[in-house]
Amino acid sequence: MLDDMATELDTGKDDELSDALFQDVEVTTDRAEGRHRQITAKIQIPYPVEQVWQILTDYEHLADFIPNLAKSQRIEHPQGGIRLEQIGSQSFLKLKFCARVVLDMVERFPTNIDFQMVEGDFKEFLGTWQLQPQTIGGQPGTDLRYVVQILPPRTMPVGLIERKLSHNLAVNLTAIRQRAEELFG
């Protein structure tokens, strides 16, 4: 599907969040064997785990506030679990490239949401959302961590994918924190 990727002019949707807003996001990349990468992003959100969980599991509305997610919808799962189709968009040189994944989700309330690609544009795409209760400013808060392991196809330059994903994860986690502020602030 990557060879047939939709390309359009960049709308600058992720520019809505300035660099200053996501300075609190910590992103690390581990290079595994060959082209495998593990990227971890974490942020503190000054709202309880239950409220952050509510945002993350509102799958049909994730694309409404996450700038790099063009589409997120639940689709039929053959075993009755949670299956999502998501289309992410990455901007590069004023062009937007779209990549599609179909993910099986496993919710382990209130600490983990695991996901694994069952179909899509990567050779491998799996990971987890981890939520840990944290006291922030004397109030209940959440240490939110997103860990993803990827193996892009050979047609995608791994260095570029690594850099774009790292940046976009910082933007996305900041958008989740902003969503919590809009809903619960």
N, C-alpha and C. Protein backbone atom coordinates (compact mmCIF):
# COMPACT_ATOMS: atom_id res chain seq x y z
N MET A 1 0.82 -1.19 0.00
CA MET A 1 0.00 0.00 0.00
C MET A 1 0.86 1.26 0.00
N LEU A 2 2.09 1.20 0.52
CA LEU A 2 2.93 2.39 0.54
C LEU A 2 3.21 2.91 -0.85
N ASP A 3 3.35 2.03 -1.82
CA ASP A 3 3.59 2.49 -3.17
C ASP A 3 2.38 3.27 -3.70
N ASP A 4 1.20 2.98 -3.16
CA ASP A 4 -0.01 3.66 -3.57
C ASP A 4 -0.41 4.77 -2.59
N MET A 5 0.51 5.14 -1.69
CA MET A 5 0.20 6.12 -0.65
C MET A 5 -0.37 7.41 -1.21
N ALA A 6 -1.38 7.91 -0.51
CA ALA A 6 -1.94 9.20 -0.91
C ALA A 6 -0.97 10.31 -0.52
N THR A 7 -0.75 11.24 -1.42
CA THR A 7 0.13 12.38 -1.16
C THR A 7 -0.66 13.64 -1.46
N GLU A 8 -0.59 14.59 -0.52
CA GLU A 8 -1.29 15.85 -0.73
C GLU A 8 -0.49 16.96 -0.08
N LEU A 9 -0.85 18.21 -0.35
CA LEU A 9 -0.15 19.33 0.26
C LEU A 9 -0.31 19.27 1.77
N ASP A 10 0.75 19.63 2.48
CA ASP A 10 0.74 19.65 3.94
C ASP A 10 -0.18 20.75 4.42
N THR A 11 -1.10 20.39 5.32
CA THR A 11 -2.01 21.39 5.87
C THR A 11 -1.43 22.06 7.10
N GLY A 12 -0.31 21.54 7.62
CA GLY A 12 0.30 22.14 8.80
C GLY A 12 -0.47 21.85 10.07
N LYS A 13 -1.31 20.82 10.08
CA LYS A 13 -2.14 20.51 11.25
C LYS A 13 -1.30 20.36 12.51
N ASP A 14 -0.11 19.73 12.42
CA ASP A 14 0.70 19.54 13.62
C ASP A 14 1.44 20.81 14.01
N ASP A 15 1.46 21.83 13.14
CA ASP A 15 2.08 23.09 13.49
C ASP A 15 1.26 23.85 14.52
N GLU A 16 0.01 23.42 14.74
CA GLU A 16 -0.85 24.08 15.72
C GLU A 16 -0.26 23.96 17.12
N LEU A 17 0.56 22.96 17.34
CA LEU A 17 1.19 22.78 18.64
C LEU A 17 2.63 23.24 18.55
N SER A 18 2.98 24.28 19.29
CA SER A 18 4.34 24.81 19.20
C SER A 18 5.32 23.91 19.94
N ASP A 19 6.60 24.06 19.61
CA ASP A 19 7.64 23.28 20.27
C ASP A 19 7.61 23.46 21.77
N ALA A 20 7.28 24.66 22.24
CA ALA A 20 7.26 24.93 23.68
C ALA A 20 6.24 24.06 24.39
N LEU A 21 5.14 23.71 23.72
CA LEU A 21 4.10 22.92 24.36
C LEU A 21 4.51 21.49 24.63
N PHE A 22 5.42 20.94 23.82
CA PHE A 22 5.78 19.55 24.07
C PHE A 22 7.22 19.39 24.56
N GLN A 23 7.74 20.43 25.18
CA GLN A 23 9.08 20.32 25.76
C GLN A 23 9.13 19.36 26.94
N ASP A 24 7.98 19.05 27.53
CA ASP A 24 7.93 18.14 28.67
C ASP A 24 7.85 16.68 28.26
N VAL A 25 7.83 16.40 26.96
CA VAL A 25 7.77 15.03 26.48
C VAL A 25 9.19 14.51 26.31
N GLU A 26 9.43 13.35 26.89
CA GLU A 26 10.74 12.70 26.77
C GLU A 26 10.62 11.58 25.74
N VAL A 27 11.46 11.61 24.71
CA VAL A 27 11.42 10.61 23.66
C VAL A 27 12.79 9.95 23.55
N THR A 28 12.81 8.62 23.54
CA THR A 28 14.06 7.89 23.36
C THR A 28 13.87 6.85 22.26
N THR A 29 14.96 6.58 21.54
CA THR A 29 14.93 5.58 20.47
C THR A 29 16.00 4.55 20.73
N ASP A 30 15.61 3.30 20.67
CA ASP A 30 16.56 2.19 20.79
C ASP A 30 16.63 1.50 19.45
N ARG A 31 17.86 1.34 18.96
CA ARG A 31 18.06 0.63 17.70
C ARG A 31 18.30 -0.83 18.00
N ALA A 32 17.41 -1.64 17.51
CA ALA A 32 17.54 -3.09 17.69
C ALA A 32 18.22 -3.65 16.44
N GLU A 33 18.10 -4.92 16.26
CA GLU A 33 18.74 -5.60 15.13
C GLU A 33 18.23 -5.05 13.80
N GLY A 34 19.13 -4.76 12.89
CA GLY A 34 18.78 -4.32 11.55
C GLY A 34 17.99 -3.04 11.54
N ARG A 35 16.84 -3.08 10.91
CA ARG A 35 16.00 -1.90 10.75
C ARG A 35 14.95 -1.76 11.86
N HIS A 36 14.95 -2.65 12.83
CA HIS A 36 14.01 -2.58 13.94
C HIS A 36 14.33 -1.36 14.81
N ARG A 37 13.29 -0.69 15.29
CA ARG A 37 13.43 0.42 16.22
C ARG A 37 12.39 0.30 17.31
N GLN A 38 12.76 0.73 18.51
CA GLN A 38 11.79 0.90 19.59
C GLN A 38 11.84 2.35 20.00
N ILE A 39 10.70 3.00 19.95
CA ILE A 39 10.61 4.41 20.32
C ILE A 39 9.70 4.51 21.53
N THR A 40 10.16 5.22 22.54
CA THR A 40 9.41 5.41 23.77
C THR A 40 9.21 6.91 23.99
N ALA A 41 7.99 7.30 24.28
CA ALA A 41 7.68 8.70 24.58
C ALA A 41 6.90 8.72 25.89
N LYS A 42 7.22 9.69 26.75
CA LYS A 42 6.47 9.78 28.00
C LYS A 42 6.21 11.23 28.37
N ILE A 43 5.11 11.42 29.08
CA ILE A 43 4.66 12.74 29.49
C ILE A 43 3.90 12.59 30.81
N GLN A 44 3.93 13.63 31.61
CA GLN A 44 3.11 13.65 32.82
C GLN A 44 1.86 14.47 32.52
N ILE A 45 0.73 13.92 32.91
CA ILE A 45 -0.56 14.57 32.69
C ILE A 45 -1.21 14.80 34.05
N PRO A 46 -1.56 16.04 34.38
CA PRO A 46 -2.07 16.34 35.72
C PRO A 46 -3.54 15.96 35.95
N TYR A 47 -3.90 14.77 35.49
CA TYR A 47 -5.25 14.24 35.69
C TYR A 47 -5.14 12.76 36.03
N PRO A 48 -6.11 12.23 36.78
CA PRO A 48 -6.04 10.83 37.23
C PRO A 48 -6.02 9.84 36.06
N VAL A 49 -5.47 8.66 36.33
CA VAL A 49 -5.35 7.59 35.36
C VAL A 49 -6.69 7.29 34.69
N GLU A 50 -7.77 7.26 35.46
CA GLU A 50 -9.09 6.92 34.91
C GLU A 50 -9.51 7.92 33.83
N GLN A 51 -9.18 9.19 34.00
CA GLN A 51 -9.55 10.19 33.01
C GLN A 51 -8.68 10.09 31.76
N VAL A 52 -7.40 9.81 31.92
CA VAL A 52 -6.51 9.63 30.77
C VAL A 52 -6.92 8.37 30.01
N TRP A 53 -7.27 7.32 30.74
CA TRP A 53 -7.75 6.08 30.13
C TRP A 53 -8.97 6.35 29.25
N GLN A 54 -9.89 7.15 29.76
CA GLN A 54 -11.11 7.49 29.03
C GLN A 54 -10.76 8.15 27.69
N ILE A 55 -9.77 9.00 27.66
CA ILE A 55 -9.34 9.66 26.42
C ILE A 55 -8.74 8.64 25.45
N LEU A 56 -7.84 7.80 25.95
CA LEU A 56 -7.14 6.85 25.08
C LEU A 56 -8.05 5.79 24.49
N THR A 57 -9.10 5.42 25.21
CA THR A 57 -9.99 4.35 24.74
C THR A 57 -11.22 4.88 23.99
N ASP A 58 -11.28 6.18 23.78
CA ASP A 58 -12.34 6.75 22.95
C ASP A 58 -11.85 6.69 21.50
N TYR A 59 -11.68 5.46 21.01
CA TYR A 59 -10.99 5.19 19.75
C TYR A 59 -11.57 5.94 18.56
N GLU A 60 -12.88 6.07 18.51
CA GLU A 60 -13.54 6.72 17.38
C GLU A 60 -13.24 8.21 17.31
N HIS A 61 -12.78 8.82 18.40
CA HIS A 61 -12.55 10.27 18.43
C HIS A 61 -11.08 10.66 18.52
N LEU A 62 -10.18 9.69 18.48
CA LEU A 62 -8.75 10.02 18.58
C LEU A 62 -8.30 10.96 17.47
N ALA A 63 -8.78 10.75 16.26
CA ALA A 63 -8.36 11.59 15.13
C ALA A 63 -8.89 13.02 15.24
N ASP A 64 -9.86 13.24 16.13
CA ASP A 64 -10.40 14.59 16.32
C ASP A 64 -9.38 15.53 16.96
N PHE A 65 -8.46 14.99 17.76
CA PHE A 65 -7.54 15.86 18.48
C PHE A 65 -6.07 15.47 18.35
N ILE A 66 -5.76 14.31 17.81
CA ILE A 66 -4.36 13.94 17.61
C ILE A 66 -3.96 14.37 16.20
N PRO A 67 -3.06 15.35 16.11
CA PRO A 67 -2.75 15.97 14.82
C PRO A 67 -2.24 15.01 13.74
N ASN A 68 -1.50 13.99 14.10
CA ASN A 68 -0.90 13.11 13.10
C ASN A 68 -1.73 11.87 12.81
N LEU A 69 -2.97 11.88 13.26
CA LEU A 69 -3.87 10.76 13.03
C LEU A 69 -5.03 11.24 12.17
N ALA A 70 -5.04 10.80 10.92
CA ALA A 70 -6.08 11.23 9.99
C ALA A 70 -7.38 10.45 10.18
N LYS A 71 -7.28 9.19 10.65
CA LYS A 71 -8.47 8.35 10.81
C LYS A 71 -8.24 7.35 11.92
N SER A 72 -9.28 7.12 12.72
CA SER A 72 -9.26 6.08 13.73
C SER A 72 -10.68 5.57 13.88
N GLN A 73 -10.87 4.29 13.57
CA GLN A 73 -12.21 3.74 13.71
C GLN A 73 -12.15 2.27 14.10
N ARG A 74 -13.13 1.87 14.90
CA ARG A 74 -13.25 0.46 15.26
C ARG A 74 -13.81 -0.29 14.06
N ILE A 75 -13.27 -1.47 13.84
CA ILE A 75 -13.79 -2.34 12.78
C ILE A 75 -14.04 -3.71 13.39
N GLU A 76 -14.73 -4.56 12.66
CA GLU A 76 -15.10 -5.88 13.18
C GLU A 76 -13.85 -6.71 13.47
N HIS A 77 -13.85 -7.34 14.64
CA HIS A 77 -12.78 -8.24 15.05
C HIS A 77 -13.33 -9.66 14.98
N PRO A 78 -12.65 -10.59 14.32
CA PRO A 78 -13.20 -11.95 14.14
C PRO A 78 -13.43 -12.70 15.45
N GLN A 79 -12.68 -12.37 16.50
CA GLN A 79 -12.87 -13.04 17.79
C GLN A 79 -13.60 -12.16 18.81
N GLY A 80 -14.15 -11.05 18.36
CA GLY A 80 -14.92 -10.19 19.26
C GLY A 80 -14.09 -9.24 20.09
N GLY A 81 -12.81 -9.10 19.82
CA GLY A 81 -11.96 -8.16 20.56
C GLY A 81 -12.09 -6.75 20.03
N ILE A 82 -11.08 -5.95 20.29
CA ILE A 82 -11.05 -4.57 19.82
C ILE A 82 -10.07 -4.49 18.66
N ARG A 83 -10.57 -4.08 17.52
CA ARG A 83 -9.74 -3.92 16.33
C ARG A 83 -9.98 -2.51 15.78
N LEU A 84 -8.88 -1.82 15.51
CA LEU A 84 -8.94 -0.46 14.97
C LEU A 84 -8.26 -0.38 13.62
N GLU A 85 -8.81 0.47 12.78
CA GLU A 85 -8.11 0.87 11.57
C GLU A 85 -7.70 2.31 11.78
N GLN A 86 -6.41 2.57 11.62
CA GLN A 86 -5.91 3.93 11.78
C GLN A 86 -5.06 4.31 10.57
N ILE A 87 -5.18 5.57 10.20
CA ILE A 87 -4.34 6.11 9.14
C ILE A 87 -3.60 7.30 9.73
N GLY A 88 -2.28 7.19 9.74
CA GLY A 88 -1.44 8.26 10.24
C GLY A 88 -0.89 9.05 9.08
N SER A 89 -0.65 10.32 9.32
CA SER A 89 -0.08 11.16 8.27
C SER A 89 1.23 11.76 8.76
N GLN A 90 2.21 11.73 7.89
CA GLN A 90 3.54 12.25 8.20
C GLN A 90 3.87 13.30 7.15
N SER A 91 4.31 14.47 7.58
CA SER A 91 4.67 15.53 6.65
C SER A 91 6.17 15.52 6.39
N PHE A 92 6.51 15.74 5.14
CA PHE A 92 7.92 15.81 4.75
C PHE A 92 8.02 16.64 3.48
N LEU A 93 8.82 17.68 3.55
CA LEU A 93 9.02 18.58 2.40
C LEU A 93 7.70 19.06 1.81
N LYS A 94 6.81 19.53 2.68
CA LYS A 94 5.50 20.07 2.29
C LYS A 94 4.57 19.05 1.63
N LEU A 95 4.90 17.77 1.73
CA LEU A 95 4.04 16.71 1.25
C LEU A 95 3.59 15.88 2.44
N LYS A 96 2.40 15.35 2.37
CA LYS A 96 1.89 14.52 3.45
C LYS A 96 1.80 13.07 2.95
N PHE A 97 2.42 12.16 3.68
CA PHE A 97 2.39 10.75 3.35
C PHE A 97 1.50 10.04 4.37
N CYS A 98 0.67 9.16 3.91
CA CYS A 98 -0.24 8.44 4.79
C CYS A 98 0.15 6.98 4.88
N ALA A 99 0.09 6.43 6.09
CA ALA A 99 0.36 5.02 6.31
C ALA A 99 -0.82 4.44 7.10
N ARG A 100 -1.23 3.23 6.75
CA ARG A 100 -2.39 2.59 7.35
C ARG A 100 -1.96 1.40 8.19
N VAL A 101 -2.62 1.24 9.35
CA VAL A 101 -2.42 0.05 10.18
C VAL A 101 -3.78 -0.42 10.69
N VAL A 102 -3.92 -1.72 10.82
CA VAL A 102 -5.06 -2.32 11.50
C VAL A 102 -4.48 -2.95 12.76
N LEU A 103 -4.98 -2.51 13.91
CA LEU A 103 -4.41 -2.91 15.19
C LEU A 103 -5.40 -3.70 16.02
N ASP A 104 -4.93 -4.78 16.64
CA ASP A 104 -5.70 -5.46 17.68
C ASP A 104 -5.27 -4.87 19.02
N MET A 105 -6.25 -4.44 19.79
CA MET A 105 -6.01 -3.79 21.07
C MET A 105 -6.39 -4.73 22.21
N VAL A 106 -5.59 -4.71 23.27
CA VAL A 106 -5.91 -5.47 24.48
C VAL A 106 -5.83 -4.49 25.65
N GLU A 107 -6.99 -4.25 26.26
CA GLU A 107 -7.07 -3.31 27.38
C GLU A 107 -6.86 -4.04 28.69
N ARG A 108 -5.98 -3.51 29.52
CA ARG A 108 -5.73 -4.03 30.86
C ARG A 108 -5.91 -2.87 31.86
N PHE A 109 -7.17 -2.52 32.08
CA PHE A 109 -7.49 -1.37 32.93
C PHE A 109 -6.92 -1.56 34.32
N PRO A 110 -6.30 -0.56 34.89
CA PRO A 110 -6.09 0.80 34.40
C PRO A 110 -4.64 1.07 33.96
N THR A 111 -3.87 0.03 33.70
CA THR A 111 -2.43 0.26 33.52
C THR A 111 -1.90 0.15 32.10
N ASN A 112 -2.51 -0.66 31.24
CA ASN A 112 -1.93 -0.90 29.91
C ASN A 112 -3.00 -1.03 28.83
N ILE A 113 -2.66 -0.53 27.66
CA ILE A 113 -3.41 -0.81 26.44
C ILE A 113 -2.37 -1.29 25.44
N ASP A 114 -2.38 -2.58 25.16
CA ASP A 114 -1.40 -3.17 24.24
C ASP A 114 -2.00 -3.19 22.84
N PHE A 115 -1.13 -3.05 21.84
CA PHE A 115 -1.60 -3.11 20.46
C PHE A 115 -0.60 -3.84 19.59
N GLN A 116 -1.14 -4.48 18.55
CA GLN A 116 -0.30 -5.20 17.59
C GLN A 116 -0.94 -5.10 16.21
N MET A 117 -0.12 -4.76 15.23
CA MET A 117 -0.61 -4.64 13.86
C MET A 117 -0.92 -6.03 13.32
N VAL A 118 -2.10 -6.16 12.70
CA VAL A 118 -2.47 -7.40 12.03
C VAL A 118 -2.51 -7.21 10.51
N GLU A 119 -2.45 -5.96 10.09
CA GLU A 119 -2.46 -5.63 8.67
C GLU A 119 -1.98 -4.19 8.55
N GLY A 120 -1.21 -3.89 7.51
CA GLY A 120 -0.83 -2.51 7.32
C GLY A 120 0.45 -2.30 6.54
N ASP A 121 0.94 -1.07 6.60
CA ASP A 121 2.04 -0.62 5.78
C ASP A 121 3.43 -0.86 6.38
N PHE A 122 3.50 -1.35 7.59
CA PHE A 122 4.78 -1.68 8.21
C PHE A 122 4.97 -3.19 8.20
N LYS A 123 6.21 -3.62 8.29
CA LYS A 123 6.47 -5.06 8.45
C LYS A 123 6.14 -5.47 9.88
N GLU A 124 6.37 -4.56 10.82
CA GLU A 124 6.07 -4.81 12.24
C GLU A 124 5.69 -3.48 12.89
N PHE A 125 4.64 -3.52 13.71
CA PHE A 125 4.19 -2.33 14.44
C PHE A 125 3.43 -2.83 15.65
N LEU A 126 4.02 -2.75 16.82
CA LEU A 126 3.37 -3.20 18.04
C LEU A 126 3.89 -2.40 19.22
N GLY A 127 3.09 -2.38 20.28
CA GLY A 127 3.53 -1.62 21.44
C GLY A 127 2.48 -1.58 22.52
N THR A 128 2.60 -0.54 23.36
CA THR A 128 1.72 -0.42 24.51
C THR A 128 1.61 1.04 24.96
N TRP A 129 0.46 1.35 25.52
CA TRP A 129 0.27 2.57 26.30
C TRP A 129 0.38 2.13 27.75
N GLN A 130 1.19 2.80 28.54
CA GLN A 130 1.32 2.47 29.96
C GLN A 130 0.90 3.70 30.78
N LEU A 131 0.02 3.47 31.74
CA LEU A 131 -0.48 4.54 32.59
C LEU A 131 -0.10 4.22 34.03
N GLN A 132 0.58 5.14 34.66
CA GLN A 132 1.02 4.95 36.04
C GLN A 132 0.54 6.13 36.87
N PRO A 133 -0.15 5.86 37.99
CA PRO A 133 -0.57 6.97 38.85
C PRO A 133 0.64 7.74 39.36
N GLN A 134 0.51 9.04 39.40
CA GLN A 134 1.61 9.92 39.81
C GLN A 134 1.00 11.12 40.52
N THR A 135 1.62 11.58 41.58
CA THR A 135 1.17 12.81 42.21
C THR A 135 1.89 13.97 41.54
N ILE A 136 1.11 14.90 41.00
CA ILE A 136 1.67 16.06 40.30
C ILE A 136 1.11 17.31 40.97
N GLY A 137 1.98 18.08 41.58
CA GLY A 137 1.54 19.29 42.27
C GLY A 137 0.55 19.01 43.39
N GLY A 138 0.74 17.87 44.07
CA GLY A 138 -0.14 17.50 45.17
C GLY A 138 -1.48 16.93 44.74
N GLN A 139 -1.69 16.77 43.43
CA GLN A 139 -2.95 16.26 42.89
C GLN A 139 -2.71 14.93 42.17
N PRO A 140 -3.75 14.10 42.04
CA PRO A 140 -3.59 12.86 41.27
C PRO A 140 -3.26 13.17 39.81
N GLY A 141 -2.28 12.48 39.30
CA GLY A 141 -1.88 12.65 37.91
C GLY A 141 -1.50 11.32 37.30
N THR A 142 -1.03 11.37 36.06
CA THR A 142 -0.69 10.16 35.32
C THR A 142 0.65 10.33 34.62
N ASP A 143 1.51 9.34 34.79
CA ASP A 143 2.71 9.23 33.99
C ASP A 143 2.31 8.37 32.80
N LEU A 144 2.20 8.98 31.62
CA LEU A 144 1.76 8.27 30.41
C LEU A 144 2.97 7.97 29.54
N ARG A 145 3.08 6.71 29.18
CA ARG A 145 4.21 6.25 28.35
C ARG A 145 3.66 5.48 27.15
N TYR A 146 4.22 5.79 25.97
CA TYR A 146 3.87 5.10 24.74
C TYR A 146 5.13 4.44 24.23
N VAL A 147 5.08 3.13 24.05
CA VAL A 147 6.23 2.37 23.57
C VAL A 147 5.80 1.67 22.29
N VAL A 148 6.55 1.88 21.21
CA VAL A 148 6.22 1.24 19.94
C VAL A 148 7.47 0.60 19.35
N GLN A 149 7.31 -0.60 18.84
CA GLN A 149 8.38 -1.29 18.12
C GLN A 149 7.96 -1.34 16.66
N ILE A 150 8.85 -0.87 15.80
CA ILE A 150 8.52 -0.82 14.38
C ILE A 150 9.61 -1.48 13.54
N LEU A 151 9.17 -1.96 12.42
CA LEU A 151 10.07 -2.41 11.36
C LEU A 151 9.44 -1.91 10.07
N PRO A 152 9.99 -0.81 9.52
CA PRO A 152 9.42 -0.30 8.27
C PRO A 152 9.83 -1.17 7.09
N PRO A 153 9.03 -1.16 6.02
CA PRO A 153 9.43 -1.91 4.83
C PRO A 153 10.68 -1.26 4.22
N ARG A 154 11.37 -2.00 3.39
CA ARG A 154 12.60 -1.52 2.77
C ARG A 154 12.39 -0.25 1.94
N THR A 155 11.16 -0.04 1.45
CA THR A 155 10.89 1.14 0.64
C THR A 155 10.85 2.43 1.46
N MET A 156 10.84 2.30 2.79
CA MET A 156 10.81 3.48 3.66
C MET A 156 12.17 3.65 4.32
N PRO A 157 12.77 4.83 4.22
CA PRO A 157 14.06 5.05 4.88
C PRO A 157 13.90 5.05 6.40
N VAL A 158 14.54 4.11 7.08
CA VAL A 158 14.33 3.91 8.52
C VAL A 158 14.73 5.15 9.32
N GLY A 159 15.78 5.84 8.93
CA GLY A 159 16.19 7.05 9.66
C GLY A 159 15.13 8.13 9.62
N LEU A 160 14.54 8.33 8.46
CA LEU A 160 13.49 9.33 8.31
C LEU A 160 12.26 8.93 9.14
N ILE A 161 11.87 7.68 9.06
CA ILE A 161 10.72 7.20 9.83
C ILE A 161 10.97 7.37 11.33
N GLU A 162 12.18 7.03 11.76
CA GLU A 162 12.54 7.17 13.18
C GLU A 162 12.42 8.63 13.63
N ARG A 163 12.96 9.55 12.86
CA ARG A 163 12.91 10.98 13.23
C ARG A 163 11.48 11.51 13.23
N LYS A 164 10.72 11.17 12.18
CA LYS A 164 9.35 11.67 12.10
C LYS A 164 8.47 11.10 13.21
N LEU A 165 8.61 9.80 13.48
CA LEU A 165 7.82 9.20 14.56
C LEU A 165 8.18 9.81 15.91
N SER A 166 9.45 10.03 16.16
CA SER A 166 9.87 10.63 17.43
C SER A 166 9.24 12.01 17.62
N HIS A 167 9.31 12.83 16.59
CA HIS A 167 8.71 14.16 16.66
C HIS A 167 7.19 14.07 16.83
N ASN A 168 6.56 13.22 16.01
CA ASN A 168 5.11 13.14 16.05
C ASN A 168 4.59 12.55 17.35
N LEU A 169 5.35 11.65 17.98
CA LEU A 169 4.92 11.13 19.28
C LEU A 169 4.90 12.23 20.32
N ALA A 170 5.88 13.13 20.27
CA ALA A 170 5.89 14.27 21.19
C ALA A 170 4.65 15.14 20.96
N VAL A 171 4.33 15.40 19.71
CA VAL A 171 3.14 16.18 19.37
C VAL A 171 1.88 15.46 19.85
N ASN A 172 1.80 14.16 19.61
CA ASN A 172 0.60 13.39 19.96
C ASN A 172 0.39 13.32 21.46
N LEU A 173 1.44 13.09 22.24
CA LEU A 173 1.29 13.04 23.69
C LEU A 173 0.89 14.40 24.25
N THR A 174 1.42 15.45 23.66
CA THR A 174 1.03 16.79 24.07
C THR A 174 -0.45 17.03 23.76
N ALA A 175 -0.91 16.53 22.63
CA ALA A 175 -2.32 16.67 22.27
C ALA A 175 -3.22 15.92 23.25
N ILE A 176 -2.77 14.78 23.75
CA ILE A 176 -3.54 14.03 24.75
C ILE A 176 -3.62 14.83 26.04
N ARG A 177 -2.50 15.43 26.45
CA ARG A 177 -2.51 16.27 27.66
C ARG A 177 -3.47 17.46 27.47
N GLN A 178 -3.44 18.07 26.29
CA GLN A 178 -4.35 19.19 26.02
C GLN A 178 -5.80 18.74 26.01
N ARG A 179 -6.06 17.55 25.50
CA ARG A 179 -7.42 17.01 25.50
C ARG A 179 -7.92 16.82 26.93
N ALA A 180 -7.05 16.32 27.81
CA ALA A 180 -7.42 16.16 29.21
C ALA A 180 -7.77 17.52 29.82
N GLU A 181 -7.02 18.53 29.48
CA GLU A 181 -7.30 19.88 29.99
C GLU A 181 -8.66 20.37 29.48
N GLU A 182 -8.94 20.14 28.20
CA GLU A 182 -10.23 20.57 27.62
C GLU A 182 -11.40 19.84 28.30
N LEU A 183 -11.26 18.54 28.52
CA LEU A 183 -12.36 17.75 29.06
C LEU A 183 -12.53 17.88 30.57
N PHE A 184 -11.41 17.99 31.29
CA PHE A 184 -11.48 17.88 32.75
C PHE A 184 -10.95 19.10 33.49
N GLY A 185 -10.37 20.07 32.78
CA GLY A 185 -9.76 21.24 33.41
C GLY A 185 -10.76 22.25 33.91
